[in-house]
N, C-alpha and C. Protein backbone atom coordinates (compact mmCIF):
# COMPACT_ATOMS: atom_id res chain seq x y z
N UNK A 1 0.84 -1.20 -0.05
CA UNK A 1 0.00 -0.01 -0.01
C UNK A 1 0.85 1.31 0.02
N UNK A 2 1.93 1.26 0.76
CA UNK A 2 2.84 2.40 0.75
C UNK A 2 3.40 2.67 -0.64
N UNK A 3 3.69 1.61 -1.41
CA UNK A 3 4.24 1.75 -2.74
C UNK A 3 3.19 2.39 -3.66
N UNK A 4 1.90 1.95 -3.50
CA UNK A 4 0.88 2.47 -4.34
C UNK A 4 0.64 4.03 -4.09
N UNK A 5 0.73 4.40 -2.85
CA UNK A 5 0.52 5.79 -2.46
C UNK A 5 1.79 6.65 -2.38
N UNK A 6 2.93 5.94 -2.70
CA UNK A 6 4.20 6.60 -2.68
C UNK A 6 4.51 7.27 -1.28
N UNK A 7 4.32 6.43 -0.26
CA UNK A 7 4.59 6.77 1.10
C UNK A 7 5.82 5.96 1.62
N UNK A 8 6.52 6.51 2.57
CA UNK A 8 7.69 5.80 3.16
C UNK A 8 7.12 4.52 3.82
N UNK A 9 7.89 3.42 3.83
CA UNK A 9 7.47 2.15 4.35
C UNK A 9 6.85 2.29 5.80
N UNK A 10 5.70 1.76 6.03
CA UNK A 10 5.09 1.71 7.35
C UNK A 10 4.09 2.85 7.62
N UNK A 11 4.15 3.88 6.71
CA UNK A 11 3.35 5.04 6.96
C UNK A 11 1.83 4.73 6.92
N UNK A 12 1.39 4.06 5.87
CA UNK A 12 -0.05 3.79 5.71
C UNK A 12 -0.52 2.97 6.97
N UNK A 13 0.25 1.96 7.42
CA UNK A 13 -0.20 1.18 8.53
C UNK A 13 -0.32 2.04 9.84
N UNK A 14 0.53 2.96 9.99
CA UNK A 14 0.45 3.85 11.19
C UNK A 14 -0.83 4.69 11.08
N UNK A 15 -1.09 5.28 9.94
CA UNK A 15 -2.30 6.03 9.78
C UNK A 15 -3.59 5.22 10.08
N UNK A 16 -3.57 4.01 9.46
CA UNK A 16 -4.78 3.21 9.49
C UNK A 16 -4.96 2.55 10.85
N UNK A 17 -3.89 2.00 11.46
CA UNK A 17 -4.10 1.21 12.67
C UNK A 17 -3.36 1.81 13.91
N UNK A 18 -2.78 2.94 13.83
CA UNK A 18 -2.09 3.54 14.97
C UNK A 18 -0.74 2.78 15.17
N UNK A 19 -0.01 3.23 16.19
CA UNK A 19 1.28 2.66 16.48
C UNK A 19 1.80 3.08 17.86
N UNK A 20 2.86 2.49 18.31
CA UNK A 20 3.53 2.83 19.55
C UNK A 20 4.93 3.29 19.24
N UNK A 21 5.37 4.29 20.00
CA UNK A 21 6.73 4.75 19.90
C UNK A 21 7.23 5.34 21.19
N UNK A 22 8.38 4.88 21.64
CA UNK A 22 8.98 5.31 22.93
C UNK A 22 7.99 5.21 24.11
N UNK A 23 7.18 4.10 24.06
CA UNK A 23 6.29 3.87 25.15
C UNK A 23 4.99 4.62 25.09
N UNK A 24 4.81 5.40 23.97
CA UNK A 24 3.54 6.18 23.83
C UNK A 24 2.73 5.54 22.77
N UNK A 25 1.45 5.46 23.04
CA UNK A 25 0.48 4.90 22.04
C UNK A 25 -0.19 6.03 21.22
N UNK A 26 -0.14 5.87 19.90
CA UNK A 26 -0.80 6.85 19.05
C UNK A 26 -2.02 6.19 18.38
N UNK A 27 -3.20 6.74 18.61
CA UNK A 27 -4.42 6.16 18.04
C UNK A 27 -4.41 6.25 16.51
N UNK A 28 -5.06 5.33 15.85
CA UNK A 28 -5.21 5.38 14.39
C UNK A 28 -5.98 6.63 14.01
N UNK A 29 -5.74 7.09 12.77
CA UNK A 29 -6.53 8.21 12.21
C UNK A 29 -7.69 7.63 11.46
N UNK A 30 -7.46 6.59 10.69
CA UNK A 30 -8.50 6.03 9.81
C UNK A 30 -9.46 5.15 10.54
N UNK A 31 -9.01 4.19 11.29
CA UNK A 31 -9.86 3.29 11.97
C UNK A 31 -10.29 3.92 13.34
N UNK A 32 -11.47 3.46 13.77
CA UNK A 32 -12.01 3.91 15.05
C UNK A 32 -11.17 3.46 16.23
N UNK A 33 -10.63 2.25 16.09
CA UNK A 33 -9.73 1.69 17.13
C UNK A 33 -8.76 0.77 16.48
N UNK A 34 -7.69 0.48 17.20
CA UNK A 34 -6.67 -0.39 16.66
C UNK A 34 -7.09 -1.86 16.58
N UNK A 35 -6.87 -2.54 15.51
CA UNK A 35 -7.35 -3.93 15.32
C UNK A 35 -6.10 -4.86 15.06
N UNK A 36 -4.96 -4.31 14.58
CA UNK A 36 -3.83 -5.08 14.25
C UNK A 36 -4.08 -6.00 12.97
N UNK A 37 -5.17 -5.76 12.36
CA UNK A 37 -5.48 -6.54 11.14
C UNK A 37 -4.64 -6.03 9.95
N UNK A 38 -4.02 -6.93 9.19
CA UNK A 38 -3.23 -6.58 8.05
C UNK A 38 -4.15 -6.20 6.79
N UNK A 39 -5.40 -6.54 6.93
CA UNK A 39 -6.30 -6.35 5.81
C UNK A 39 -6.87 -4.93 5.83
N UNK A 40 -6.97 -4.32 4.64
CA UNK A 40 -7.49 -2.97 4.58
C UNK A 40 -8.71 -2.88 3.67
N UNK A 41 -9.80 -2.23 4.18
CA UNK A 41 -10.99 -2.13 3.42
C UNK A 41 -10.83 -1.04 2.34
N UNK A 42 -11.76 -0.96 1.41
CA UNK A 42 -11.69 0.08 0.40
C UNK A 42 -11.88 1.45 1.00
N UNK A 43 -12.75 1.60 1.96
CA UNK A 43 -12.94 2.83 2.65
C UNK A 43 -11.70 3.34 3.35
N UNK A 44 -10.98 2.38 3.92
CA UNK A 44 -9.70 2.77 4.67
C UNK A 44 -8.63 3.22 3.53
N UNK A 45 -8.68 2.48 2.41
CA UNK A 45 -7.67 2.83 1.38
C UNK A 45 -8.01 4.26 0.84
N UNK A 46 -9.26 4.57 0.63
CA UNK A 46 -9.60 5.90 0.05
C UNK A 46 -9.22 6.97 1.02
N UNK A 47 -9.56 6.82 2.30
CA UNK A 47 -9.17 7.89 3.29
C UNK A 47 -7.62 7.99 3.39
N UNK A 48 -6.91 6.92 3.36
CA UNK A 48 -5.51 6.96 3.42
C UNK A 48 -4.95 7.68 2.15
N UNK A 49 -5.56 7.44 1.00
CA UNK A 49 -5.21 8.18 -0.25
C UNK A 49 -5.34 9.71 0.00
N UNK A 50 -6.42 10.13 0.66
CA UNK A 50 -6.57 11.55 0.88
C UNK A 50 -5.50 12.06 1.82
N UNK A 51 -5.22 11.26 2.91
CA UNK A 51 -4.22 11.71 3.85
C UNK A 51 -2.83 11.84 3.19
N UNK A 52 -2.62 11.01 2.18
CA UNK A 52 -1.30 11.02 1.46
C UNK A 52 -0.99 12.38 0.85
N UNK A 53 -2.08 13.20 0.56
CA UNK A 53 -1.86 14.51 -0.04
C UNK A 53 -1.24 15.51 1.02
N UNK A 54 -1.36 15.08 2.28
CA UNK A 54 -0.89 15.94 3.40
C UNK A 54 0.47 15.47 3.93
N UNK A 55 1.07 14.46 3.31
CA UNK A 55 2.24 13.83 3.89
C UNK A 55 3.40 14.68 4.21
N UNK A 56 3.47 15.86 3.57
CA UNK A 56 4.60 16.77 3.82
C UNK A 56 4.20 17.87 4.77
N UNK A 57 2.96 17.81 5.35
CA UNK A 57 2.53 18.92 6.23
C UNK A 57 2.75 18.60 7.70
N UNK A 58 1.67 18.46 8.43
CA UNK A 58 1.81 18.22 9.89
C UNK A 58 1.34 16.89 10.26
N UNK A 59 1.60 16.41 11.56
CA UNK A 59 1.24 15.00 11.89
C UNK A 59 -0.20 14.74 11.57
N UNK A 60 -0.40 13.49 11.07
CA UNK A 60 -1.76 13.09 10.67
C UNK A 60 -2.71 12.91 11.89
N UNK A 61 -2.13 12.65 13.06
CA UNK A 61 -2.95 12.43 14.24
C UNK A 61 -3.83 13.66 14.50
N UNK A 62 -3.50 14.81 13.97
CA UNK A 62 -4.32 16.01 14.19
C UNK A 62 -5.66 15.92 13.41
N UNK A 63 -5.73 14.99 12.50
CA UNK A 63 -6.95 14.87 11.77
C UNK A 63 -7.95 13.90 12.45
N UNK A 64 -7.44 13.18 13.41
CA UNK A 64 -8.31 12.18 14.09
C UNK A 64 -9.59 12.82 14.66
N UNK A 65 -9.61 13.96 15.35
CA UNK A 65 -10.84 14.51 15.87
C UNK A 65 -11.82 14.88 14.77
N UNK A 66 -11.30 15.33 13.65
CA UNK A 66 -12.21 15.69 12.58
C UNK A 66 -12.97 14.46 12.01
N UNK A 67 -12.23 13.40 11.82
CA UNK A 67 -12.86 12.13 11.33
C UNK A 67 -13.84 11.62 12.37
N UNK A 68 -13.50 11.66 13.66
CA UNK A 68 -14.42 11.28 14.72
C UNK A 68 -15.68 12.10 14.69
N UNK A 69 -15.50 13.39 14.53
CA UNK A 69 -16.70 14.37 14.52
C UNK A 69 -17.58 14.03 13.34
N UNK A 70 -17.05 13.73 12.19
CA UNK A 70 -17.84 13.39 11.02
C UNK A 70 -18.54 12.09 11.21
N UNK A 71 -17.80 11.12 11.69
CA UNK A 71 -18.43 9.77 11.94
C UNK A 71 -19.70 9.90 12.73
N UNK A 72 -19.64 10.68 13.83
CA UNK A 72 -20.72 10.83 14.71
C UNK A 72 -21.96 11.47 14.09
N UNK A 73 -21.72 12.25 13.06
CA UNK A 73 -22.85 13.02 12.46
C UNK A 73 -23.39 12.39 11.22
N UNK A 74 -22.58 11.68 10.46
CA UNK A 74 -23.08 11.07 9.21
C UNK A 74 -23.22 9.58 9.32
N UNK A 75 -22.84 8.99 10.50
CA UNK A 75 -23.07 7.57 10.78
C UNK A 75 -22.40 6.70 9.71
N UNK A 76 -21.16 7.05 9.39
CA UNK A 76 -20.33 6.26 8.46
C UNK A 76 -18.99 6.00 9.04
N UNK A 77 -18.50 4.79 8.86
CA UNK A 77 -17.13 4.48 9.43
C UNK A 77 -16.06 5.27 8.75
N UNK A 78 -16.17 5.53 7.38
CA UNK A 78 -15.18 6.20 6.70
C UNK A 78 -15.76 7.42 5.91
N UNK A 79 -16.13 8.47 6.66
CA UNK A 79 -16.85 9.58 5.99
C UNK A 79 -16.14 10.27 4.91
N UNK A 80 -14.74 10.31 4.93
CA UNK A 80 -13.97 10.96 3.95
C UNK A 80 -13.79 10.17 2.67
N UNK A 81 -14.40 8.97 2.69
CA UNK A 81 -14.38 8.12 1.45
C UNK A 81 -15.52 8.35 0.59
N UNK A 82 -16.43 9.33 1.00
CA UNK A 82 -17.66 9.54 0.26
C UNK A 82 -17.55 10.88 -0.50
N UNK A 83 -18.50 11.08 -1.46
CA UNK A 83 -18.45 12.23 -2.27
C UNK A 83 -19.02 13.49 -1.53
N UNK A 84 -20.03 13.21 -0.69
CA UNK A 84 -20.77 14.38 -0.08
C UNK A 84 -19.89 15.40 0.63
N UNK A 85 -18.95 15.02 1.40
CA UNK A 85 -18.20 16.05 2.11
C UNK A 85 -17.45 17.04 1.18
N UNK A 86 -17.18 16.57 -0.03
CA UNK A 86 -16.36 17.44 -0.90
C UNK A 86 -17.16 18.05 -2.09
N UNK A 87 -18.22 17.37 -2.52
CA UNK A 87 -18.93 17.77 -3.74
C UNK A 87 -20.28 18.39 -3.43
N UNK A 88 -20.93 18.04 -2.45
CA UNK A 88 -22.26 18.60 -2.11
C UNK A 88 -22.13 19.84 -1.23
N UNK A 89 -22.87 20.94 -1.49
CA UNK A 89 -22.76 22.15 -0.64
C UNK A 89 -22.94 21.88 0.82
N UNK A 90 -24.00 21.14 1.19
CA UNK A 90 -24.19 20.83 2.59
C UNK A 90 -23.07 19.97 3.20
N UNK A 91 -22.46 19.17 2.37
CA UNK A 91 -21.26 18.39 2.80
C UNK A 91 -20.10 19.28 3.14
N UNK A 92 -19.86 20.29 2.23
CA UNK A 92 -18.74 21.15 2.50
C UNK A 92 -19.00 21.96 3.75
N UNK A 93 -20.22 22.40 3.96
CA UNK A 93 -20.48 23.13 5.22
C UNK A 93 -20.26 22.29 6.46
N UNK A 94 -20.55 20.99 6.33
CA UNK A 94 -20.29 20.11 7.43
C UNK A 94 -18.78 19.91 7.69
N UNK A 95 -17.98 19.94 6.66
CA UNK A 95 -16.52 19.81 6.80
C UNK A 95 -16.00 21.12 7.43
N UNK A 96 -16.52 22.27 7.05
CA UNK A 96 -16.13 23.51 7.70
C UNK A 96 -16.37 23.47 9.19
N UNK A 97 -17.63 23.03 9.53
CA UNK A 97 -17.90 22.98 10.96
C UNK A 97 -17.02 21.94 11.70
N UNK A 98 -16.73 20.80 11.05
CA UNK A 98 -15.83 19.83 11.67
C UNK A 98 -14.47 20.38 11.94
N UNK A 99 -13.93 21.07 10.93
CA UNK A 99 -12.58 21.64 11.02
C UNK A 99 -12.55 22.69 12.09
N UNK A 100 -13.52 23.53 12.14
CA UNK A 100 -13.53 24.71 13.10
C UNK A 100 -13.72 24.21 14.51
N UNK A 101 -14.71 23.33 14.68
CA UNK A 101 -15.05 22.83 16.08
C UNK A 101 -14.01 22.04 16.69
N UNK A 102 -13.19 21.30 15.93
CA UNK A 102 -12.16 20.49 16.44
C UNK A 102 -10.82 21.19 16.49
N UNK A 103 -10.76 22.46 16.12
CA UNK A 103 -9.58 23.21 16.15
C UNK A 103 -8.48 22.77 15.23
N UNK A 104 -8.81 22.21 14.07
CA UNK A 104 -7.81 21.68 13.13
C UNK A 104 -6.98 22.83 12.58
N UNK A 105 -5.70 22.61 12.54
CA UNK A 105 -4.72 23.63 12.03
C UNK A 105 -5.03 23.82 10.53
N UNK A 106 -4.93 25.03 10.06
CA UNK A 106 -5.30 25.45 8.75
C UNK A 106 -4.59 24.73 7.63
N UNK A 107 -3.39 24.21 7.88
CA UNK A 107 -2.58 23.51 6.97
C UNK A 107 -3.29 22.24 6.53
N UNK A 108 -4.19 21.69 7.39
CA UNK A 108 -4.90 20.47 7.09
C UNK A 108 -6.29 20.64 6.64
N UNK A 109 -6.79 21.87 6.44
CA UNK A 109 -8.14 22.09 6.07
C UNK A 109 -8.33 21.59 4.66
N UNK A 110 -9.46 20.93 4.38
CA UNK A 110 -9.82 20.41 3.04
C UNK A 110 -10.75 21.29 2.32
N UNK A 111 -11.52 22.06 3.01
CA UNK A 111 -12.43 23.10 2.45
C UNK A 111 -12.29 24.38 3.19
N UNK A 112 -12.46 25.55 2.53
CA UNK A 112 -12.32 26.81 3.19
C UNK A 112 -13.54 27.71 2.76
N UNK A 113 -14.08 28.44 3.76
CA UNK A 113 -15.11 29.44 3.38
C UNK A 113 -14.55 30.60 2.70
N UNK A 114 -15.26 31.18 1.75
CA UNK A 114 -14.85 32.34 0.95
C UNK A 114 -16.06 33.17 0.56
N UNK A 115 -15.87 34.27 -0.11
CA UNK A 115 -16.97 35.12 -0.60
C UNK A 115 -17.74 34.42 -1.66
N UNK A 116 -17.14 33.48 -2.34
CA UNK A 116 -17.79 32.69 -3.39
C UNK A 116 -18.46 31.41 -2.83
N UNK A 117 -18.40 31.27 -1.52
CA UNK A 117 -18.93 30.05 -0.89
C UNK A 117 -17.82 29.19 -0.34
N UNK A 118 -18.13 27.95 -0.02
CA UNK A 118 -17.14 27.05 0.53
C UNK A 118 -16.39 26.40 -0.62
N UNK A 119 -15.06 26.50 -0.64
CA UNK A 119 -14.24 26.01 -1.77
C UNK A 119 -13.31 24.90 -1.27
N UNK A 120 -13.03 24.01 -2.20
CA UNK A 120 -12.03 22.98 -1.93
C UNK A 120 -10.60 23.63 -1.94
N UNK A 121 -9.77 23.16 -1.04
CA UNK A 121 -8.36 23.59 -1.10
C UNK A 121 -7.64 22.84 -2.22
N UNK A 122 -6.48 23.37 -2.59
CA UNK A 122 -5.70 22.64 -3.68
C UNK A 122 -5.46 21.16 -3.34
N UNK A 123 -5.26 20.92 -2.04
CA UNK A 123 -5.02 19.53 -1.69
C UNK A 123 -6.24 18.62 -1.89
N UNK A 124 -7.39 19.06 -1.42
CA UNK A 124 -8.61 18.25 -1.66
C UNK A 124 -9.01 18.25 -3.17
N UNK A 125 -8.68 19.29 -3.86
CA UNK A 125 -9.01 19.32 -5.29
C UNK A 125 -8.19 18.17 -5.99
N UNK A 126 -6.90 18.06 -5.63
CA UNK A 126 -6.07 16.98 -6.22
C UNK A 126 -6.68 15.66 -5.97
N UNK A 127 -7.15 15.49 -4.75
CA UNK A 127 -7.80 14.24 -4.40
C UNK A 127 -9.10 13.92 -5.08
N UNK A 128 -10.01 14.88 -5.15
CA UNK A 128 -11.30 14.65 -5.83
C UNK A 128 -11.16 14.53 -7.30
N UNK A 129 -10.17 15.20 -7.93
CA UNK A 129 -10.05 15.08 -9.37
C UNK A 129 -9.49 13.71 -9.74
N UNK A 130 -8.85 13.05 -8.79
CA UNK A 130 -8.30 11.72 -9.02
C UNK A 130 -9.26 10.60 -8.59
N UNK A 131 -10.42 10.99 -8.07
CA UNK A 131 -11.36 10.05 -7.51
C UNK A 131 -12.64 10.10 -8.24
N UNK A 132 -13.20 8.91 -8.57
CA UNK A 132 -14.46 8.84 -9.32
C UNK A 132 -15.57 8.41 -8.36
N UNK A 133 -16.61 9.27 -8.31
CA UNK A 133 -17.78 8.98 -7.51
C UNK A 133 -18.97 8.73 -8.47
N UNK A 134 -19.67 7.60 -8.44
CA UNK A 134 -20.84 7.36 -9.23
C UNK A 134 -21.95 8.38 -9.05
N UNK A 135 -22.08 8.88 -7.87
CA UNK A 135 -23.10 9.85 -7.58
C UNK A 135 -22.55 10.87 -6.56
N UNK A 136 -23.37 11.91 -6.31
CA UNK A 136 -22.89 13.01 -5.46
C UNK A 136 -22.92 12.69 -3.98
N UNK A 137 -23.40 11.52 -3.61
CA UNK A 137 -23.48 11.23 -2.15
C UNK A 137 -22.81 9.88 -1.83
N UNK A 138 -22.55 9.10 -2.86
CA UNK A 138 -21.98 7.73 -2.61
C UNK A 138 -20.48 7.70 -2.37
N UNK A 139 -20.02 6.43 -2.22
CA UNK A 139 -18.59 6.25 -1.94
C UNK A 139 -17.84 6.27 -3.23
N UNK A 140 -16.53 6.44 -3.13
CA UNK A 140 -15.61 6.47 -4.28
C UNK A 140 -15.66 5.07 -4.93
N UNK A 141 -15.69 5.06 -6.25
CA UNK A 141 -15.71 3.79 -6.97
C UNK A 141 -14.31 3.39 -7.34
N UNK A 142 -13.48 4.28 -7.86
CA UNK A 142 -12.13 3.96 -8.13
C UNK A 142 -11.31 5.26 -8.04
N UNK A 143 -10.00 5.12 -8.02
CA UNK A 143 -9.09 6.25 -7.91
C UNK A 143 -8.09 6.16 -9.07
N UNK A 144 -7.80 7.26 -9.67
CA UNK A 144 -6.70 7.30 -10.64
C UNK A 144 -5.38 7.27 -9.92
N UNK A 145 -4.50 6.35 -10.28
CA UNK A 145 -3.28 6.12 -9.54
C UNK A 145 -2.39 7.36 -9.53
N UNK A 146 -2.27 8.03 -10.68
CA UNK A 146 -1.41 9.17 -10.85
C UNK A 146 -2.02 10.09 -11.86
N UNK A 147 -2.18 11.38 -11.64
CA UNK A 147 -2.71 12.30 -12.63
C UNK A 147 -2.03 12.26 -14.01
N UNK A 148 -0.75 11.90 -13.97
CA UNK A 148 0.01 11.79 -15.25
C UNK A 148 -0.36 10.60 -16.07
N UNK A 149 -1.00 9.62 -15.46
CA UNK A 149 -1.45 8.36 -16.16
C UNK A 149 -2.90 8.07 -15.84
N UNK A 150 -3.85 8.83 -16.38
CA UNK A 150 -5.19 8.72 -16.02
C UNK A 150 -5.85 7.35 -16.41
N UNK A 151 -5.25 6.59 -17.31
CA UNK A 151 -5.77 5.29 -17.70
C UNK A 151 -5.52 4.24 -16.65
N UNK A 152 -4.63 4.50 -15.72
CA UNK A 152 -4.28 3.59 -14.59
C UNK A 152 -5.15 3.83 -13.43
N UNK A 153 -5.93 2.74 -13.10
CA UNK A 153 -6.91 2.87 -11.98
C UNK A 153 -6.55 1.97 -10.84
N UNK A 154 -6.98 2.45 -9.65
CA UNK A 154 -6.98 1.57 -8.41
C UNK A 154 -8.46 1.29 -8.14
N UNK A 155 -8.90 0.06 -8.36
CA UNK A 155 -10.32 -0.30 -8.25
C UNK A 155 -10.40 -1.51 -7.33
N UNK A 156 -11.31 -1.45 -6.35
CA UNK A 156 -11.36 -2.61 -5.40
C UNK A 156 -11.77 -3.90 -6.02
N UNK A 157 -12.45 -3.90 -7.14
CA UNK A 157 -12.97 -5.12 -7.77
C UNK A 157 -12.11 -5.54 -8.96
N UNK A 158 -10.99 -4.88 -9.17
CA UNK A 158 -10.04 -5.26 -10.26
C UNK A 158 -8.72 -5.66 -9.74
N UNK A 159 -8.34 -6.89 -9.92
CA UNK A 159 -7.07 -7.41 -9.49
C UNK A 159 -6.69 -7.03 -8.01
N UNK A 160 -7.66 -7.18 -7.14
CA UNK A 160 -7.40 -6.94 -5.66
C UNK A 160 -6.93 -5.54 -5.46
N UNK A 161 -7.36 -4.58 -6.23
CA UNK A 161 -7.03 -3.23 -6.03
C UNK A 161 -5.69 -2.78 -6.52
N UNK A 162 -4.96 -3.69 -7.21
CA UNK A 162 -3.70 -3.32 -7.75
C UNK A 162 -3.87 -2.40 -9.03
N UNK A 163 -2.84 -1.64 -9.41
CA UNK A 163 -2.98 -0.71 -10.52
C UNK A 163 -3.26 -1.48 -11.83
N UNK A 164 -4.32 -1.02 -12.54
CA UNK A 164 -4.68 -1.74 -13.73
C UNK A 164 -5.03 -0.77 -14.85
N UNK A 165 -5.05 -1.29 -16.06
CA UNK A 165 -5.58 -0.57 -17.19
C UNK A 165 -6.59 -1.57 -17.76
N UNK A 166 -7.89 -1.16 -17.74
CA UNK A 166 -8.98 -2.05 -18.20
C UNK A 166 -8.88 -3.47 -17.59
N UNK A 167 -8.63 -3.55 -16.27
CA UNK A 167 -8.55 -4.82 -15.54
C UNK A 167 -7.31 -5.64 -15.80
N UNK A 168 -6.34 -5.13 -16.59
CA UNK A 168 -5.08 -5.81 -16.72
C UNK A 168 -4.01 -5.02 -15.93
N UNK A 169 -3.30 -5.74 -15.05
CA UNK A 169 -2.33 -5.06 -14.23
C UNK A 169 -1.23 -4.43 -15.00
N UNK A 170 -0.93 -3.21 -14.53
CA UNK A 170 0.13 -2.40 -15.17
C UNK A 170 1.45 -3.16 -15.21
N UNK A 171 1.66 -3.89 -14.09
CA UNK A 171 2.92 -4.64 -13.99
C UNK A 171 3.08 -5.66 -15.15
N UNK A 172 1.89 -6.33 -15.49
CA UNK A 172 1.90 -7.30 -16.59
C UNK A 172 2.26 -6.65 -17.89
N UNK A 173 1.68 -5.50 -18.15
CA UNK A 173 1.88 -4.80 -19.41
C UNK A 173 3.38 -4.32 -19.55
N UNK A 174 3.87 -3.77 -18.41
CA UNK A 174 5.20 -3.25 -18.37
C UNK A 174 6.20 -4.37 -18.53
N UNK A 175 5.92 -5.51 -17.99
CA UNK A 175 6.87 -6.69 -18.09
C UNK A 175 6.91 -7.15 -19.53
N UNK A 176 5.82 -7.15 -20.27
CA UNK A 176 5.85 -7.58 -21.67
C UNK A 176 6.72 -6.60 -22.47
N UNK A 177 6.58 -5.30 -22.26
CA UNK A 177 7.39 -4.34 -23.02
C UNK A 177 8.89 -4.44 -22.62
N UNK A 178 9.14 -4.65 -21.33
CA UNK A 178 10.46 -4.82 -20.90
C UNK A 178 11.14 -6.02 -21.51
N UNK A 179 10.29 -7.08 -21.75
CA UNK A 179 10.81 -8.31 -22.38
C UNK A 179 11.05 -8.19 -23.87
N UNK A 180 10.70 -7.07 -24.41
CA UNK A 180 10.98 -6.83 -25.87
C UNK A 180 9.77 -6.72 -26.76
N UNK A 181 8.60 -6.93 -26.22
CA UNK A 181 7.37 -6.89 -27.12
C UNK A 181 7.16 -5.36 -27.47
N UNK A 182 6.85 -5.06 -28.71
CA UNK A 182 6.55 -3.71 -29.10
C UNK A 182 5.30 -3.22 -28.38
N UNK A 183 5.20 -1.94 -27.99
CA UNK A 183 4.06 -1.48 -27.30
C UNK A 183 2.76 -1.62 -28.14
N UNK A 184 2.88 -1.39 -29.47
CA UNK A 184 1.70 -1.50 -30.32
C UNK A 184 1.20 -2.97 -30.34
N UNK A 185 2.16 -3.92 -30.36
CA UNK A 185 1.78 -5.33 -30.31
C UNK A 185 0.99 -5.63 -29.03
N UNK A 186 1.51 -5.14 -27.90
CA UNK A 186 0.83 -5.37 -26.62
C UNK A 186 -0.56 -4.73 -26.60
N UNK A 187 -0.59 -3.54 -27.16
CA UNK A 187 -1.88 -2.88 -27.25
C UNK A 187 -2.93 -3.65 -28.07
N UNK A 188 -2.50 -4.10 -29.21
CA UNK A 188 -3.35 -4.90 -30.12
C UNK A 188 -3.74 -6.22 -29.45
N UNK A 189 -2.85 -6.82 -28.71
CA UNK A 189 -3.11 -8.09 -28.03
C UNK A 189 -4.27 -7.98 -27.05
N UNK A 190 -4.29 -6.89 -26.30
CA UNK A 190 -5.33 -6.70 -25.26
C UNK A 190 -6.49 -5.82 -25.68
N UNK A 191 -6.41 -5.31 -26.93
CA UNK A 191 -7.47 -4.46 -27.40
C UNK A 191 -7.41 -3.03 -26.76
N UNK A 192 -6.16 -2.57 -26.43
CA UNK A 192 -5.95 -1.29 -25.82
C UNK A 192 -5.52 -0.32 -26.88
N UNK A 193 -5.52 0.95 -26.55
CA UNK A 193 -4.87 2.02 -27.36
C UNK A 193 -3.40 1.99 -27.08
N UNK A 194 -2.65 2.51 -27.94
CA UNK A 194 -1.18 2.64 -27.63
C UNK A 194 -0.91 3.53 -26.49
N UNK A 195 -1.74 4.61 -26.36
CA UNK A 195 -1.59 5.50 -25.22
C UNK A 195 -1.81 4.83 -23.87
N UNK A 196 -2.73 3.87 -23.85
CA UNK A 196 -3.00 3.17 -22.56
C UNK A 196 -1.83 2.32 -22.18
N UNK A 197 -1.19 1.66 -23.11
CA UNK A 197 -0.01 0.87 -22.78
C UNK A 197 1.13 1.76 -22.38
N UNK A 198 1.28 2.83 -23.08
CA UNK A 198 2.37 3.81 -22.68
C UNK A 198 2.19 4.31 -21.31
N UNK A 199 0.96 4.59 -20.86
CA UNK A 199 0.71 5.10 -19.52
C UNK A 199 1.04 3.97 -18.46
N UNK A 200 0.70 2.73 -18.82
CA UNK A 200 0.97 1.61 -17.90
C UNK A 200 2.49 1.49 -17.69
N UNK A 201 3.22 1.58 -18.77
CA UNK A 201 4.69 1.46 -18.64
C UNK A 201 5.25 2.68 -17.90
N UNK A 202 4.74 3.89 -18.20
CA UNK A 202 5.23 5.05 -17.50
C UNK A 202 4.95 5.04 -15.98
N UNK A 203 3.77 4.52 -15.63
CA UNK A 203 3.39 4.45 -14.27
C UNK A 203 4.34 3.44 -13.54
N UNK A 204 4.57 2.27 -14.09
CA UNK A 204 5.43 1.30 -13.45
C UNK A 204 6.83 1.76 -13.37
N UNK A 205 7.32 2.46 -14.42
CA UNK A 205 8.67 3.02 -14.35
C UNK A 205 8.81 4.03 -13.20
N UNK A 206 7.84 4.90 -13.02
CA UNK A 206 7.87 5.89 -11.99
C UNK A 206 7.75 5.22 -10.66
N UNK A 207 6.94 4.21 -10.55
CA UNK A 207 6.72 3.54 -9.23
C UNK A 207 7.99 2.80 -8.79
N UNK A 208 8.70 2.16 -9.73
CA UNK A 208 9.94 1.44 -9.40
C UNK A 208 11.01 2.40 -9.05
N UNK A 209 11.15 3.51 -9.64
CA UNK A 209 12.08 4.53 -9.24
C UNK A 209 11.85 5.05 -7.90
N UNK A 210 10.63 5.08 -7.46
CA UNK A 210 10.26 5.64 -6.15
C UNK A 210 10.47 4.64 -5.05
N UNK A 211 10.51 3.35 -5.43
CA UNK A 211 10.56 2.29 -4.40
C UNK A 211 11.94 2.26 -3.68
């Protein structure tokens, strides 16, 4: 999961399930309580993907009160995995209230009030533009792995959530090209466009460099 989200090893697990350091226990940000389960739900993945946009800012534990506040009011385990907080006007107002009432530092705000109404911050805009919601109130269906390669999806029902292009793993496509198969041949074999294969190879190349 860290590789998919380009996080340093162990980061996603700490955010999702909490951790201990120097005798101090840090509660999870994503889960309501620590479970020590290695399995991650789609809701947990989506919320962690959002948190990854803030990885260079302040400690994620500061977002915990906001998530708890939202859980209590919308009765969902993973409120930030849904469209409503970001896309619906009443959802944005709810996020403003959550941020203000829990004293969240401004660096972590996902929406901000303005004269034009409540607006998404650049961070949450990056997240929502990479996330596909079937409707304005439902959960995320899939996430674009990288804005530079929009054909590459992370979808919970496709190859166990691994990066894919039309249900074929990007790793498979990249390995064929690395083995010497022409990109156009690979594209024709799977019924893809050349651009889709090129994006799969580009995504895998970038991911391996970051590993």
